[in-house]
Amino acid sequence: MLEKGMKQYMNKEIEEQKEYIKKVERLNAGKSLKYTIITMGCQLNENDSEKISGMAENMGYIRTDKLENANLVIFNTCCVRENAEERLFGKVGELKNLKEKNNMIIAVGGCMMQEKNMAEKIKKSYPQVDLIFGTHTLHKLPEDIYNILENRKKIQDILDIDGEVYEGLPIVRDSKVQASITIMYGCNNFCSYCIVPYVRGRERSRRPADIIEEAKEVAKQGYKEIMLLGQNVNSYLRNEMELIKEGKLVDKDGDYKEIDSFAKLLRELDKIEGIERIRFISPHPKDFTDDVIEAIRDCDKICKFVHLPLQSGSTNMLKIMNRRYTKEDYLNLVEKMRKMIPDIKFSTDIIVGFAGETEEDFEETLDVVKKVGFEQVFMFIYSRRVGTPGDKMQNQIPEDIKHKRFDRLKKLVEEQIAEKSKEIVDTMQKVLVEGFSKGNEEMLTGRTESNKVVVFKGDENLINTIVELEIVENHLWYFVGKVV
């Protein structure tokens, strides 16, 4: 009954927001108003921005990429790295003179606004901002915009508690080839360097039926690839497991009965006609269970390419980071996956210079990179975030040492990728064609299953199809192919 009552409440909330969308649309009728969104951060932020676009366009705004032409500017912020703050403040400052000229509404939302000190700083230092909203109140954007238009009153709409999972928001996707589908929100892990659990809340999983329905809908729209999103996708439904076992979440259609894990969700998505590739980010190594590995192995559509965040190769650092696995655990997991799926490939995230990292710790990271041979490595210099345990640690690493270590890691990774790239030349690769290359409009561009960029000459009718190409040239970060 509790689940049913909460669902009814959330449906009612979305219906109310749809009414506000209509109200704003009526206010905007005949005005040809434009909006722009500046997105900072991860793919979850990008997916949130697609929902913001959906709401904005339903409210009668037309998208523009030029700030100077916008009547509604929305910043969807990230708080993982310090340079995001600098970028935000710079951009908001630029709008001060444009605000009156364009009768502009300026809204700042996303993860950064869940940090109390940041919301207060925006209010105090940037009076041109009309709306501050958080990650848990994104769905209320139409109501907030309406109240600003009607009352010209500044609004702060932030919840400190964990948000709910709202379904039914309109969405305008940026890509015409890959559709991102969020399967869960929040995080329970509290890695000591990370602010995300504090700003996105605890883990909440979407209903399996809602995810399946969205995947079927994007397949009908012609999307060939879906990307499943979550801070920790392989803990999908973990928080709900007790309620599932007790039968409290199983509805009359049997939702949750057949799908009660990430592995079962993957297998169900693999059945959807029209979808040809399934990817997911980000899994946590400590939660990577055998049933998920088996699903990757058995399902034709799931890419045999896994993003497996390492963060550090040192067991000592992993303990300080609160990652809850060791170097040996990580390497054993990679080895197990390679035995079960011989052609599997990996990408990863690595943080350089976290508090207390010694030269020996860093060498352990280099050792893992050498042993695994990643296809891609996303490297980050540690950036302190107020409110995390890492920020309070005393033994912070000097910036010059961080940068020297980063350069050494980068050199190793590039050397490895250069060697591995040679192996792809003269092979046949299946490429999902995304469109024309930005660097050369005479060439098409797409990605292999292992996320390698390939450009080639071909007819535009090939866009949004998977074609088999012979790889003829290697340029390290991209390849040249030809249709055979």
Protein backbone atom coordinates (compact mmCIF):
# COMPACT_ATOMS: atom_id res chain seq x y z
CA MET A 1 0.00 0.00 0.00
CA LEU A 2 2.88 2.33 0.81
CA GLU A 3 4.40 1.79 -2.64
CA LYS A 4 1.03 2.29 -4.33
CA GLY A 5 0.37 5.49 -2.38
CA MET A 6 3.80 6.90 -3.20
CA LYS A 7 3.34 6.06 -6.89
CA GLN A 8 -0.02 7.86 -6.93
CA TYR A 9 1.57 10.89 -5.26
CA MET A 10 4.38 11.03 -7.84
CA ASN A 11 1.96 10.62 -10.74
CA LYS A 12 -0.12 13.48 -9.34
CA GLU A 13 3.03 15.63 -9.03
CA ILE A 14 3.96 15.03 -12.68
CA GLU A 15 0.42 15.78 -13.84
CA GLU A 16 0.61 19.09 -11.95
CA GLN A 17 3.89 19.92 -13.68
CA LYS A 18 2.32 19.15 -17.06
CA GLU A 19 -0.34 21.73 -16.23
CA TYR A 20 2.37 24.27 -15.45
CA ILE A 21 4.00 23.43 -18.80
CA LYS A 22 0.73 24.39 -20.50
CA LYS A 23 0.50 27.60 -18.46
CA VAL A 24 4.03 28.67 -19.42
CA GLU A 25 3.37 27.72 -23.05
CA ARG A 26 0.35 30.05 -23.06
CA LEU A 27 2.42 32.87 -21.57
CA ASN A 28 5.11 32.34 -24.22
CA ALA A 29 2.72 32.01 -27.18
CA GLY A 30 3.75 34.07 -30.21
CA LYS A 31 7.01 35.34 -28.64
CA SER A 32 9.58 33.02 -30.31
CA LEU A 33 11.58 32.71 -27.08
CA LYS A 34 14.82 30.74 -27.02
CA TYR A 35 16.57 28.64 -24.40
CA THR A 36 20.02 27.18 -23.91
CA ILE A 37 21.42 24.65 -21.45
CA ILE A 38 25.03 24.56 -20.29
CA THR A 39 25.73 21.07 -18.98
CA MET A 40 28.68 20.30 -16.73
CA GLY A 41 29.57 16.83 -15.53
CA CYS A 42 28.78 13.20 -16.15
CA GLN A 43 26.35 11.39 -18.44
CA LEU A 44 23.74 11.43 -15.68
CA ASN A 45 23.87 15.24 -15.86
CA GLU A 46 23.56 15.04 -19.63
CA ASN A 47 20.50 12.83 -19.26
CA ASP A 48 19.01 15.34 -16.80
CA SER A 49 19.65 18.08 -19.36
CA GLU A 50 17.74 16.10 -21.97
CA LYS A 51 14.76 16.13 -19.60
CA ILE A 52 15.21 19.88 -19.05
CA SER A 53 15.19 20.31 -22.84
CA GLY A 54 11.99 18.31 -23.06
CA MET A 55 10.28 20.51 -20.49
CA ALA A 56 11.63 23.75 -22.03
CA GLU A 57 10.49 22.88 -25.55
CA ASN A 58 7.07 21.83 -24.30
CA MET A 59 6.88 25.25 -22.60
CA GLY A 60 7.32 26.93 -25.98
CA TYR A 61 11.05 27.69 -25.94
CA ILE A 62 13.22 27.07 -29.01
CA ARG A 63 16.76 25.79 -28.52
CA THR A 64 19.77 27.97 -29.33
CA ASP A 65 23.47 27.37 -28.78
CA LYS A 66 24.19 31.10 -28.49
CA LEU A 67 23.98 32.63 -25.03
CA GLU A 68 23.43 36.10 -26.46
CA ASN A 69 20.19 34.96 -28.14
CA ALA A 70 18.70 33.12 -25.16
CA ASN A 71 15.73 34.22 -23.08
CA LEU A 72 16.10 31.25 -20.72
CA VAL A 73 19.55 30.05 -19.67
CA ILE A 74 19.86 26.93 -17.53
CA PHE A 75 23.11 25.76 -15.97
CA ASN A 76 23.10 22.07 -15.03
CA THR A 77 26.09 21.88 -12.72
CA CYS A 78 28.55 19.28 -11.51
CA CYS A 79 30.40 19.41 -8.20
CA VAL A 80 32.95 16.65 -8.71
CA ARG A 81 35.77 18.93 -9.82
CA GLU A 82 36.82 22.44 -8.80
CA ASN A 83 37.14 23.80 -12.36
CA ALA A 84 33.36 23.34 -12.79
CA GLU A 85 32.85 26.07 -10.17
CA GLU A 86 35.21 28.44 -11.96
CA ARG A 87 33.46 27.79 -15.27
CA LEU A 88 30.02 28.36 -13.73
CA PHE A 89 30.94 31.64 -12.06
CA GLY A 90 32.56 32.91 -15.24
CA LYS A 91 29.54 32.09 -17.41
CA VAL A 92 27.00 33.49 -14.94
CA GLY A 93 29.05 36.68 -14.74
CA GLU A 94 28.92 37.03 -18.54
CA LEU A 95 25.12 37.15 -18.44
CA LYS A 96 24.83 40.18 -16.18
CA ASN A 97 24.62 42.63 -19.08
CA LEU A 98 22.49 40.35 -21.27
CA LYS A 99 19.80 39.75 -18.67
CA GLU A 100 17.90 43.02 -19.08
CA LYS A 101 18.42 43.19 -22.84
CA ASN A 102 16.85 39.73 -23.41
CA ASN A 103 14.45 39.81 -20.47
CA MET A 104 16.39 36.69 -19.57
CA ILE A 105 15.59 34.10 -16.92
CA ILE A 106 18.76 32.57 -15.45
CA ALA A 107 18.47 29.25 -13.64
CA VAL A 108 21.26 27.31 -11.94
CA GLY A 109 20.61 23.69 -10.99
CA GLY A 110 22.25 20.31 -10.60
CA CYS A 111 24.62 18.73 -8.12
CA MET A 112 26.53 21.87 -7.17
CA MET A 113 23.37 23.53 -5.88
CA GLN A 114 22.88 20.71 -3.36
CA GLU A 115 25.97 22.04 -1.60
CA LYS A 116 24.57 24.61 0.82
CA ASN A 117 27.59 26.90 0.63
CA MET A 118 27.39 27.00 -3.19
CA ALA A 119 23.68 27.87 -3.26
CA GLU A 120 24.31 30.65 -0.74
CA LYS A 121 27.25 31.96 -2.78
CA ILE A 122 25.09 32.16 -5.91
CA LYS A 123 22.36 34.04 -4.02
CA LYS A 124 24.80 36.49 -2.48
CA SER A 125 27.24 37.13 -5.33
CA TYR A 126 25.11 36.69 -8.44
CA PRO A 127 21.80 38.56 -8.01
CA GLN A 128 21.07 38.12 -11.73
CA VAL A 129 20.19 34.45 -11.04
CA ASP A 130 16.40 33.95 -10.84
CA LEU A 131 16.21 30.28 -9.90
CA ILE A 132 18.36 27.88 -7.91
CA PHE A 133 17.19 24.25 -8.04
CA GLY A 134 18.67 20.96 -6.92
CA THR A 135 18.91 17.41 -8.21
CA HIS A 136 15.74 16.37 -6.36
CA THR A 137 13.54 19.20 -7.70
CA LEU A 138 14.40 19.10 -11.40
CA HIS A 139 10.87 17.87 -12.20
CA LYS A 140 9.43 21.11 -10.75
CA LEU A 141 11.15 23.34 -13.31
CA PRO A 142 7.85 24.21 -15.11
CA GLU A 143 6.24 25.37 -11.85
CA ASP A 144 9.31 27.42 -10.93
CA ILE A 145 9.50 29.05 -14.38
CA TYR A 146 5.80 29.87 -14.26
CA ASN A 147 6.12 31.55 -10.86
CA ILE A 148 9.09 33.60 -12.07
CA LEU A 149 7.20 34.76 -15.17
CA GLU A 150 4.07 35.60 -13.18
CA ASN A 151 5.63 37.09 -10.04
CA ARG A 152 9.18 38.06 -11.09
CA LYS A 153 10.32 36.66 -7.77
CA LYS A 154 13.59 34.82 -7.23
CA ILE A 155 13.15 31.17 -6.24
CA GLN A 156 15.31 28.66 -4.41
CA ASP A 157 13.89 25.15 -4.82
CA ILE A 158 16.22 22.65 -3.15
CA LEU A 159 15.47 19.54 -1.09
CA ASP A 160 18.08 18.21 1.33
CA ILE A 161 16.34 14.84 1.62
CA ASP A 162 16.70 12.02 -0.90
CA GLY A 163 14.51 12.66 -3.94
CA GLU A 164 11.92 10.36 -5.44
CA VAL A 165 12.01 8.71 -8.87
CA TYR A 166 9.58 10.61 -11.09
CA GLU A 167 8.41 9.08 -14.37
CA GLY A 168 6.77 10.73 -17.34
CA LEU A 169 8.93 13.83 -17.83
CA PRO A 170 9.22 14.90 -21.49
CA ILE A 171 12.68 14.40 -22.98
CA VAL A 172 14.56 15.74 -26.01
CA ARG A 173 17.63 13.57 -26.65
CA ASP A 174 20.83 15.12 -27.99
CA SER A 175 21.91 12.03 -29.91
CA LYS A 176 19.92 10.42 -32.70
CA VAL A 177 21.89 7.17 -32.41
CA GLN A 178 22.45 6.43 -28.69
CA ALA A 179 19.73 6.89 -26.07
CA SER A 180 20.75 7.20 -22.43
CA ILE A 181 18.38 5.55 -19.96
CA THR A 182 18.85 6.16 -16.25
CA ILE A 183 18.09 2.99 -14.27
CA MET A 184 18.86 4.31 -10.77
CA TYR A 185 19.73 7.47 -8.87
CA GLY A 186 22.05 8.21 -5.97
CA CYS A 187 24.85 6.25 -4.35
CA ASN A 188 25.42 4.39 -1.07
CA ASN A 189 29.18 3.91 -1.31
CA PHE A 190 30.64 7.11 0.20
CA CYS A 191 34.06 6.88 -1.40
CA SER A 192 36.15 9.31 0.62
CA TYR A 193 37.01 11.53 -2.38
CA CYS A 194 33.46 11.80 -3.73
CA ILE A 195 30.68 14.32 -3.07
CA VAL A 196 28.01 12.49 -5.11
CA PRO A 197 26.18 10.63 -2.26
CA TYR A 198 25.79 13.94 -0.44
CA VAL A 199 24.22 15.74 -3.41
CA ARG A 200 22.33 12.98 -5.25
CA GLY A 201 21.22 11.07 -2.15
CA ARG A 202 20.93 7.35 -1.46
CA GLU A 203 20.33 4.75 -4.13
CA ARG A 204 16.83 4.62 -5.63
CA SER A 205 16.10 2.25 -8.50
CA ARG A 206 13.51 2.76 -11.20
CA ARG A 207 10.81 0.15 -11.66
CA PRO A 208 11.89 -2.54 -14.17
CA ALA A 209 8.67 -2.02 -16.16
CA ASP A 210 9.40 1.71 -16.58
CA ILE A 211 12.93 1.01 -17.83
CA ILE A 212 11.72 -1.66 -20.27
CA GLU A 213 8.98 0.65 -21.54
CA GLU A 214 11.46 3.48 -22.15
CA ALA A 215 13.86 1.13 -23.96
CA LYS A 216 11.04 -0.13 -26.20
CA GLU A 217 9.99 3.44 -26.92
CA VAL A 218 13.49 4.53 -28.02
CA ALA A 219 13.70 1.41 -30.18
CA LYS A 220 10.47 2.49 -31.91
CA GLN A 221 12.03 5.92 -32.43
CA GLY A 222 14.89 4.28 -34.33
CA TYR A 223 17.66 4.26 -31.73
CA LYS A 224 20.10 1.40 -32.21
CA GLU A 225 22.08 1.76 -28.97
CA ILE A 226 21.10 2.34 -25.35
CA MET A 227 23.37 3.40 -22.50
CA LEU A 228 22.16 2.43 -19.03
CA LEU A 229 23.12 5.01 -16.42
CA GLY A 230 23.63 4.98 -12.67
CA GLN A 231 26.28 5.86 -10.14
CA ASN A 232 26.57 2.14 -9.40
CA VAL A 233 24.48 0.20 -11.93
CA ASN A 234 25.32 -3.25 -10.63
CA SER A 235 23.67 -2.51 -7.29
CA TYR A 236 20.38 -1.96 -9.14
CA LEU A 237 17.42 -2.89 -6.86
CA ARG A 238 19.68 -3.64 -3.88
CA ASN A 239 17.91 -1.13 -1.64
CA GLU A 240 14.52 -2.52 -2.68
CA MET A 241 15.44 -6.20 -2.25
CA GLU A 242 13.79 -6.79 1.11
CA LEU A 243 10.52 -5.28 -0.09
CA ILE A 244 10.74 -7.40 -3.26
CA LYS A 245 11.29 -10.58 -1.21
CA GLU A 246 8.29 -9.71 0.94
CA GLY A 247 6.18 -9.21 -2.18
CA LYS A 248 5.42 -5.59 -1.33
CA LEU A 249 6.61 -4.20 -4.66
CA VAL A 250 5.15 -6.88 -6.92
CA ASP A 251 2.12 -5.38 -8.67
CA LYS A 252 -0.76 -7.00 -10.58
CA ASP A 253 1.38 -7.15 -13.73
CA GLY A 254 4.15 -8.98 -11.88
CA ASP A 255 6.63 -6.11 -11.98
CA TYR A 256 9.74 -6.97 -9.90
CA LYS A 257 8.73 -10.66 -9.91
CA GLU A 258 10.65 -11.61 -13.04
CA ILE A 259 13.27 -8.85 -12.85
CA ASP A 260 14.88 -8.43 -9.42
CA SER A 261 18.54 -7.83 -10.33
CA PHE A 262 20.76 -5.98 -12.78
CA ALA A 263 21.63 -9.22 -14.58
CA LYS A 264 17.96 -10.04 -15.19
CA LEU A 265 17.32 -6.49 -16.39
CA LEU A 266 20.16 -6.83 -18.91
CA ARG A 267 18.74 -10.10 -20.22
CA GLU A 268 15.28 -8.57 -20.63
CA LEU A 269 16.64 -5.53 -22.48
CA ASP A 270 18.58 -7.85 -24.79
CA LYS A 271 15.24 -9.16 -26.10
CA ILE A 272 13.99 -5.79 -27.36
CA GLU A 273 13.66 -5.71 -31.12
CA GLY A 274 15.43 -2.80 -32.81
CA ILE A 275 18.07 -2.28 -30.13
CA GLU A 276 21.40 -3.57 -31.41
CA ARG A 277 23.83 -2.45 -28.72
CA ILE A 278 23.56 -2.15 -24.94
CA ARG A 279 26.17 -0.40 -22.79
CA PHE A 280 26.18 0.58 -19.12
CA ILE A 281 28.09 2.87 -16.76
CA SER A 282 29.30 2.82 -14.10
CA PRO A 283 29.58 -0.51 -12.33
CA HIS A 284 31.49 -0.89 -9.05
CA PRO A 285 34.14 -3.65 -8.96
CA LYS A 286 33.04 -4.82 -5.50
CA ASP A 287 29.50 -5.49 -6.80
CA PHE A 288 30.36 -7.16 -10.10
CA THR A 289 28.63 -10.51 -9.61
CA ASP A 290 28.93 -13.65 -11.71
CA ASP A 291 25.35 -13.40 -12.99
CA VAL A 292 26.17 -10.03 -14.59
CA ILE A 293 29.30 -11.46 -16.22
CA GLU A 294 27.21 -14.36 -17.52
CA ALA A 295 24.62 -11.95 -18.91
CA ILE A 296 27.33 -10.03 -20.79
CA ARG A 297 28.67 -13.33 -22.13
CA ASP A 298 25.30 -14.74 -23.17
CA CYS A 299 23.55 -11.66 -24.60
CA ASP A 300 24.44 -10.75 -28.18
CA LYS A 301 23.53 -7.07 -27.84
CA ILE A 302 25.50 -6.28 -24.68
CA CYS A 303 28.85 -4.81 -25.69
CA LYS A 304 31.84 -6.88 -24.67
CA PHE A 305 33.40 -3.67 -23.43
CA VAL A 306 33.17 -2.82 -19.74
CA HIS A 307 34.00 0.42 -18.01
CA LEU A 308 35.49 -0.80 -14.71
CA PRO A 309 36.62 2.10 -12.48
CA LEU A 310 39.93 1.38 -10.75
CA GLN A 311 40.67 4.78 -9.10
CA SER A 312 43.95 3.44 -7.67
CA GLY A 313 46.02 0.29 -8.07
CA SER A 314 47.24 0.43 -4.48
CA THR A 315 45.38 -1.66 -1.90
CA ASN A 316 46.45 0.85 0.72
CA MET A 317 44.97 3.76 -1.24
CA LEU A 318 41.82 1.82 -2.09
CA LYS A 319 41.25 1.32 1.65
CA ILE A 320 41.73 5.05 2.32
CA MET A 321 39.39 5.79 -0.59
CA ASN A 322 36.78 3.42 0.96
CA ARG A 323 36.52 1.46 -2.28
CA ARG A 324 36.15 -1.90 -0.47
CA TYR A 325 38.23 -4.03 -2.82
CA THR A 326 41.96 -4.68 -3.13
CA LYS A 327 44.37 -4.57 -6.04
CA GLU A 328 44.23 -8.36 -6.12
CA ASP A 329 40.42 -8.36 -6.11
CA TYR A 330 40.38 -6.06 -9.11
CA LEU A 331 42.92 -8.07 -11.10
CA ASN A 332 41.16 -11.33 -10.23
CA LEU A 333 37.87 -9.86 -11.46
CA VAL A 334 39.46 -8.84 -14.76
CA GLU A 335 40.99 -12.31 -15.11
CA LYS A 336 37.65 -14.02 -14.35
CA MET A 337 35.86 -11.88 -16.94
CA ARG A 338 38.51 -12.64 -19.55
CA LYS A 339 38.20 -16.37 -18.93
CA MET A 340 34.41 -16.22 -19.28
CA ILE A 341 34.43 -13.70 -22.17
CA PRO A 342 37.76 -14.03 -24.07
CA ASP A 343 37.19 -11.00 -26.33
CA ILE A 344 36.14 -8.59 -23.55
CA LYS A 345 37.86 -5.20 -23.31
CA PHE A 346 38.04 -2.61 -20.53
CA SER A 347 38.18 1.10 -19.88
CA THR A 348 38.67 2.69 -16.46
CA ASP A 349 38.87 5.79 -14.26
CA ILE A 350 42.02 6.64 -12.27
CA ILE A 351 42.56 9.38 -9.69
CA VAL A 352 46.12 10.64 -9.35
CA GLY A 353 47.36 12.29 -6.16
CA PHE A 354 44.68 11.43 -3.61
CA ALA A 355 45.61 12.31 -0.03
CA GLY A 356 48.42 10.12 1.29
CA GLU A 357 49.41 8.63 -2.07
CA THR A 358 53.08 7.63 -1.89
CA GLU A 359 55.42 6.93 -4.79
CA GLU A 360 54.99 3.22 -4.04
CA ASP A 361 51.20 3.58 -4.17
CA PHE A 362 51.42 5.31 -7.53
CA GLU A 363 53.73 2.58 -8.87
CA GLU A 364 51.03 0.05 -7.93
CA THR A 365 48.59 1.97 -10.14
CA LEU A 366 51.03 1.88 -13.04
CA ASP A 367 51.42 -1.86 -12.46
CA VAL A 368 47.67 -2.47 -12.82
CA VAL A 369 47.57 -0.37 -15.99
CA LYS A 370 50.40 -2.48 -17.44
CA LYS A 371 48.71 -5.76 -16.49
CA VAL A 372 45.18 -4.95 -17.68
CA GLY A 373 45.96 -3.01 -20.87
CA PHE A 374 42.92 -0.75 -20.91
CA GLU A 375 41.40 0.47 -24.16
CA GLN A 376 40.69 3.86 -22.57
CA VAL A 377 41.76 5.48 -19.31
CA PHE A 378 39.99 8.54 -17.96
CA MET A 379 42.63 10.19 -15.77
CA PHE A 380 41.91 12.80 -13.12
CA ILE A 381 44.13 14.82 -10.82
CA TYR A 382 42.55 14.67 -7.35
CA SER A 383 40.51 17.77 -6.56
CA ARG A 384 39.46 18.37 -2.95
CA ARG A 385 35.73 18.67 -2.36
CA VAL A 386 34.42 20.38 0.77
CA GLY A 387 32.20 18.02 2.74
CA THR A 388 34.04 14.81 1.88
CA PRO A 389 36.40 12.87 4.20
CA GLY A 390 39.20 13.33 1.67
CA ASP A 391 39.11 17.10 2.09
CA LYS A 392 39.82 16.77 5.82
CA MET A 393 42.82 14.47 5.43
CA GLN A 394 46.07 16.05 6.51
CA ASN A 395 48.56 14.48 4.09
CA GLN A 396 47.48 16.24 0.88
CA ILE A 397 49.79 15.79 -2.10
CA PRO A 398 51.52 18.91 -3.51
CA GLU A 399 50.19 20.01 -6.89
CA ASP A 400 53.55 19.67 -8.66
CA ILE A 401 53.84 16.01 -7.61
CA LYS A 402 50.25 15.33 -8.72
CA HIS A 403 50.97 16.77 -12.17
CA LYS A 404 54.24 14.86 -12.57
CA ARG A 405 52.51 11.59 -11.70
CA PHE A 406 49.64 12.42 -14.03
CA ASP A 407 52.10 12.99 -16.89
CA ARG A 408 53.80 9.63 -16.18
CA LEU A 409 50.46 7.83 -16.21
CA LYS A 410 49.41 9.61 -19.39
CA LYS A 411 52.66 8.61 -21.11
CA LEU A 412 52.20 4.95 -20.16
CA VAL A 413 48.57 4.89 -21.28
CA GLU A 414 49.35 6.52 -24.61
CA GLU A 415 52.21 4.07 -25.25
CA GLN A 416 49.90 1.14 -24.53
CA ILE A 417 47.09 2.48 -26.70
CA ALA A 418 49.53 3.14 -29.55
CA GLU A 419 50.63 -0.50 -29.44
CA LYS A 420 47.11 -1.88 -29.13
CA SER A 421 45.89 0.35 -31.97
CA LYS A 422 48.28 -1.32 -34.40
CA GLU A 423 46.43 -4.59 -33.82
CA ILE A 424 43.18 -3.13 -35.18
CA VAL A 425 44.58 -2.11 -38.58
CA ASP A 426 43.63 -4.61 -41.34
CA THR A 427 40.82 -6.08 -39.23
CA MET A 428 37.10 -5.93 -39.92
CA GLN A 429 35.10 -3.94 -37.34
CA LYS A 430 31.37 -3.39 -36.88
CA VAL A 431 30.77 0.35 -36.58
CA LEU A 432 27.58 2.10 -35.48
CA VAL A 433 27.49 5.17 -37.73
CA GLU A 434 26.69 8.35 -35.79
CA GLY A 435 26.77 11.01 -38.50
CA PHE A 436 29.17 13.24 -40.39
CA SER A 437 32.60 13.86 -38.88
CA LYS A 438 32.95 17.30 -37.28
CA GLY A 439 36.52 17.50 -38.54
CA ASN A 440 35.71 16.53 -42.13
CA GLU A 441 32.14 16.80 -43.39
CA GLU A 442 32.96 14.53 -46.33
CA MET A 443 33.51 11.63 -43.94
CA LEU A 444 31.12 9.70 -41.75
CA THR A 445 32.02 8.80 -38.18
CA GLY A 446 31.01 6.02 -35.83
CA ARG A 447 32.18 3.75 -33.03
CA THR A 448 33.18 0.14 -32.72
CA GLU A 449 31.85 -2.08 -29.95
CA SER A 450 35.00 -1.21 -27.96
CA ASN A 451 34.23 2.51 -28.39
CA LYS A 452 36.96 3.22 -30.95
CA VAL A 453 36.17 6.17 -33.25
CA VAL A 454 36.28 5.33 -36.95
CA VAL A 455 35.88 7.77 -39.85
CA PHE A 456 35.18 6.63 -43.41
CA LYS A 457 33.71 7.69 -46.74
CA GLY A 458 30.15 6.57 -47.20
CA ASP A 459 26.59 7.49 -48.04
CA GLU A 460 24.55 9.38 -45.43
CA ASN A 461 21.95 6.59 -45.61
CA LEU A 462 24.38 4.58 -43.49
CA ILE A 463 23.81 6.91 -40.50
CA ASN A 464 22.24 5.03 -37.56
CA THR A 465 23.12 1.64 -39.01
CA ILE A 466 25.87 -0.82 -38.11
CA VAL A 467 28.28 -1.36 -40.99
CA GLU A 468 31.28 -3.64 -41.26
CA LEU A 469 34.43 -1.72 -42.17
CA GLU A 470 37.99 -2.64 -42.92
CA ILE A 471 40.32 -0.56 -40.74
CA VAL A 472 43.03 0.86 -43.01
CA GLU A 473 44.71 3.60 -40.94
CA ASN A 474 45.56 4.20 -37.29
CA HIS A 475 45.74 7.75 -35.90
CA LEU A 476 45.94 6.77 -32.19
CA TRP A 477 42.68 8.44 -31.08
CA TYR A 478 40.73 7.49 -34.19
CA PHE A 479 40.91 5.12 -37.15
CA VAL A 480 40.15 5.36 -40.84
CA GLY A 481 37.99 2.62 -42.31
CA LYS A 482 36.55 1.72 -45.67
CA VAL A 483 33.42 -0.05 -46.80
CA VAL A 484 34.32 -3.38 -48.38
